[in-house]
Amino acid sequence: MKDILTLGIESSCDETSVSVVKNGREVLSNVIHSQIPIHEKFGGVVPEIASRNHIEAISTVTKKSLEESNVSFNDLDAICVTQGPGLVGALLVGVSYAKALSYALGKPLIPVNHIEGHIAANYITYSELKPPFLCLLISGGHTYLIHIKDYCDFEVLGSTRDDAIR
């Protein structure tokens, strides 16, 4: 059976991240370009600055991720990208780049919900994890308590918006 190689692109806030994942569970590379030092002087993320930095970093981060995983563009089976929620301009950079790659390579493009991506990341970290379970998810300014009924069946039990637990 052929291994399935997926390129994942994340640009929802202030970090540009690209990973290559084998068979949905094995991370072959995970390259992150952090913008923390850039935004520190402002006391938080400045959306326009974040977007511009994603533009500058995304190609380099992608190439480095492919190199670290010893995979070429042609080896990929699909391109995944965070579609939201997140900063509109930052998301636009990642989605536009992913669409261009998908089109140029003739590979399927798979949009990923940022919050659902956090849930799915648990399956990589804990390979024995299977639904059902409860998930406390804290991302950016959002907090969710979610009943994971099955791999794609979730029930939000409680949440906040723009007010994370501290």
Protein backbone atom coordinates (compact mmCIF):
# COMPACT_ATOMS: atom_id res chain seq x y z
CA MET A 1 0.00 0.00 0.00
CA LYS A 2 1.37 3.41 -0.99
CA ASP A 3 2.10 5.94 1.75
CA ILE A 4 0.03 9.12 1.55
CA LEU A 5 2.10 12.30 1.89
CA THR A 6 0.34 15.51 2.81
CA LEU A 7 1.74 19.04 2.91
CA GLY A 8 0.09 21.13 5.63
CA ILE A 9 0.23 24.94 5.62
CA GLU A 10 -0.71 27.04 8.68
CA SER A 11 -0.78 30.85 8.65
CA SER A 12 -3.76 31.80 10.80
CA CYS A 13 -1.96 34.29 13.05
CA ASP A 14 1.72 35.15 13.51
CA GLU A 15 3.55 31.93 12.70
CA THR A 16 4.14 30.46 9.27
CA SER A 17 4.24 26.69 9.59
CA VAL A 18 4.57 23.96 6.99
CA SER A 19 4.62 20.23 7.69
CA VAL A 20 4.85 17.03 5.74
CA VAL A 21 2.78 14.22 7.24
CA LYS A 22 2.82 10.56 6.22
CA ASN A 23 -0.41 8.58 6.41
CA GLY A 24 -2.09 11.19 8.58
CA ARG A 25 -0.16 10.26 11.73
CA GLU A 26 3.59 10.53 11.20
CA VAL A 27 5.13 14.01 11.07
CA LEU A 28 8.14 13.94 8.76
CA SER A 29 8.86 17.66 9.15
CA ASN A 30 7.40 20.68 10.91
CA VAL A 31 9.07 23.97 10.10
CA ILE A 32 7.88 27.07 11.96
CA HIS A 33 8.83 30.67 11.25
CA SER A 34 7.89 32.64 14.38
CA GLN A 35 7.08 36.33 14.32
CA ILE A 36 7.13 36.78 18.10
CA PRO A 37 10.19 39.09 18.12
CA ILE A 38 8.60 41.29 15.43
CA HIS A 39 5.34 41.80 17.36
CA GLU A 40 6.79 42.06 20.88
CA LYS A 41 7.45 45.78 20.56
CA PHE A 42 3.77 46.35 19.75
CA GLY A 43 2.48 44.36 22.73
CA GLY A 44 0.58 41.93 20.48
CA VAL A 45 0.10 40.74 16.94
CA VAL A 46 -0.39 43.47 14.33
CA PRO A 47 -2.44 41.82 11.55
CA GLU A 48 -0.96 43.76 8.60
CA ILE A 49 2.61 43.12 9.76
CA ALA A 50 1.80 39.43 10.29
CA SER A 51 0.43 39.13 6.73
CA ARG A 52 3.47 40.77 5.18
CA ASN A 53 5.80 38.48 7.11
CA HIS A 54 3.87 35.40 5.99
CA ILE A 55 4.41 36.51 2.38
CA GLU A 56 8.15 36.81 2.99
CA ALA A 57 8.46 33.46 4.79
CA ILE A 58 6.07 30.98 3.20
CA SER A 59 8.18 29.84 0.24
CA THR A 60 11.31 29.39 2.34
CA VAL A 61 9.45 27.54 5.09
CA THR A 62 7.83 25.23 2.52
CA LYS A 63 11.13 24.40 0.83
CA LYS A 64 12.79 23.72 4.18
CA SER A 65 9.93 21.44 5.25
CA LEU A 66 10.24 19.42 2.04
CA GLU A 67 14.02 19.18 2.45
CA GLU A 68 13.77 18.03 6.09
CA SER A 69 11.29 15.32 5.14
CA ASN A 70 13.27 14.27 2.06
CA VAL A 71 10.14 14.74 -0.05
CA SER A 72 9.67 16.58 -3.35
CA PHE A 73 6.60 18.49 -4.53
CA ASN A 74 5.86 15.64 -6.94
CA ASP A 75 5.82 13.09 -4.08
CA LEU A 76 2.92 14.88 -2.39
CA ASP A 77 -0.61 13.48 -2.58
CA ALA A 78 -2.49 16.49 -1.21
CA ILE A 79 -2.12 20.06 0.02
CA CYS A 80 -3.91 21.03 3.26
CA VAL A 81 -4.29 24.60 4.46
CA THR A 82 -5.86 26.40 7.39
CA GLN A 83 -8.93 28.21 6.09
CA GLY A 84 -10.01 29.82 9.38
CA PRO A 85 -10.63 31.02 11.95
CA GLY A 86 -7.77 33.46 12.15
CA LEU A 87 -6.52 36.80 10.90
CA VAL A 88 -8.02 37.40 7.45
CA GLY A 89 -4.84 38.71 5.80
CA ALA A 90 -2.67 35.99 7.32
CA LEU A 91 -5.08 33.28 6.23
CA LEU A 92 -5.24 34.77 2.73
CA VAL A 93 -1.47 34.31 2.33
CA GLY A 94 -1.57 30.62 3.27
CA VAL A 95 -4.72 29.85 1.28
CA SER A 96 -3.44 31.66 -1.83
CA TYR A 97 -0.10 29.86 -1.67
CA ALA A 98 -1.81 26.49 -1.13
CA LYS A 99 -4.22 27.09 -4.02
CA ALA A 100 -1.34 27.97 -6.32
CA LEU A 101 0.59 24.82 -5.30
CA SER A 102 -2.50 22.65 -5.67
CA TYR A 103 -3.17 23.99 -9.15
CA ALA A 104 0.44 23.87 -10.32
CA LEU A 105 0.99 20.32 -9.02
CA GLY A 106 -2.45 18.97 -9.90
CA LYS A 107 -2.94 17.85 -6.30
CA PRO A 108 -6.16 18.07 -4.28
CA LEU A 109 -6.56 21.07 -1.96
CA ILE A 110 -8.05 20.30 1.45
CA PRO A 111 -9.26 23.22 3.60
CA VAL A 112 -8.79 22.71 7.34
CA ASN A 113 -10.65 24.42 10.15
CA HIS A 114 -8.04 25.78 12.59
CA ILE A 115 -9.95 24.59 15.65
CA GLU A 116 -10.57 21.10 14.22
CA GLY A 117 -6.86 20.98 13.35
CA HIS A 118 -6.03 21.39 17.03
CA ILE A 119 -8.28 18.43 17.83
CA ALA A 120 -6.76 16.28 15.06
CA ALA A 121 -3.22 17.07 16.27
CA ASN A 122 -3.95 14.95 19.34
CA TYR A 123 -4.09 11.85 17.13
CA ILE A 124 -0.50 12.51 16.06
CA THR A 125 0.76 13.05 19.60
CA TYR A 126 -1.26 10.19 21.09
CA SER A 127 -1.46 7.47 18.44
CA GLU A 128 -3.64 5.27 20.66
CA LEU A 129 -6.26 8.02 21.13
CA LYS A 130 -9.70 7.20 19.74
CA PRO A 131 -13.06 8.92 20.18
CA PRO A 132 -15.08 9.45 22.22
CA PHE A 133 -13.35 11.88 24.59
CA LEU A 134 -13.62 15.41 25.99
CA CYS A 135 -11.29 18.10 24.68
CA LEU A 136 -10.42 21.41 26.32
CA LEU A 137 -9.13 23.55 23.49
CA ILE A 138 -7.52 26.95 24.02
CA SER A 139 -6.33 28.77 20.91
CA GLY A 140 -5.63 32.47 20.64
CA GLY A 141 -8.55 34.24 22.21
CA HIS A 142 -10.87 31.25 22.08
CA THR A 143 -11.67 28.52 24.60
CA TYR A 144 -13.82 25.47 23.84
CA LEU A 145 -14.99 22.45 25.78
CA ILE A 146 -15.82 19.88 23.11
CA HIS A 147 -17.26 16.38 23.21
CA ILE A 148 -15.44 14.46 20.46
CA LYS A 149 -18.03 11.83 19.55
CA ASP A 150 -16.19 10.48 16.51
CA TYR A 151 -13.30 11.61 14.28
CA CYS A 152 -15.48 14.16 12.45
CA ASP A 153 -18.41 14.45 14.86
CA PHE A 154 -18.02 17.13 17.55
CA GLU A 155 -20.36 18.80 20.00
CA VAL A 156 -19.30 22.12 21.53
CA LEU A 157 -20.40 22.00 25.17
CA GLY A 158 -19.22 25.50 25.98
CA SER A 159 -17.07 28.23 24.49
CA THR A 160 -15.84 31.79 24.72
CA ARG A 161 -15.05 34.23 21.94
CA ASP A 162 -12.06 36.51 22.16
CA ASP A 163 -11.67 35.66 25.84
CA ALA A 164 -9.27 32.80 26.55
CA ILE A 165 -8.89 31.10 29.92
CA ARG A 166 -5.87 32.50 31.77
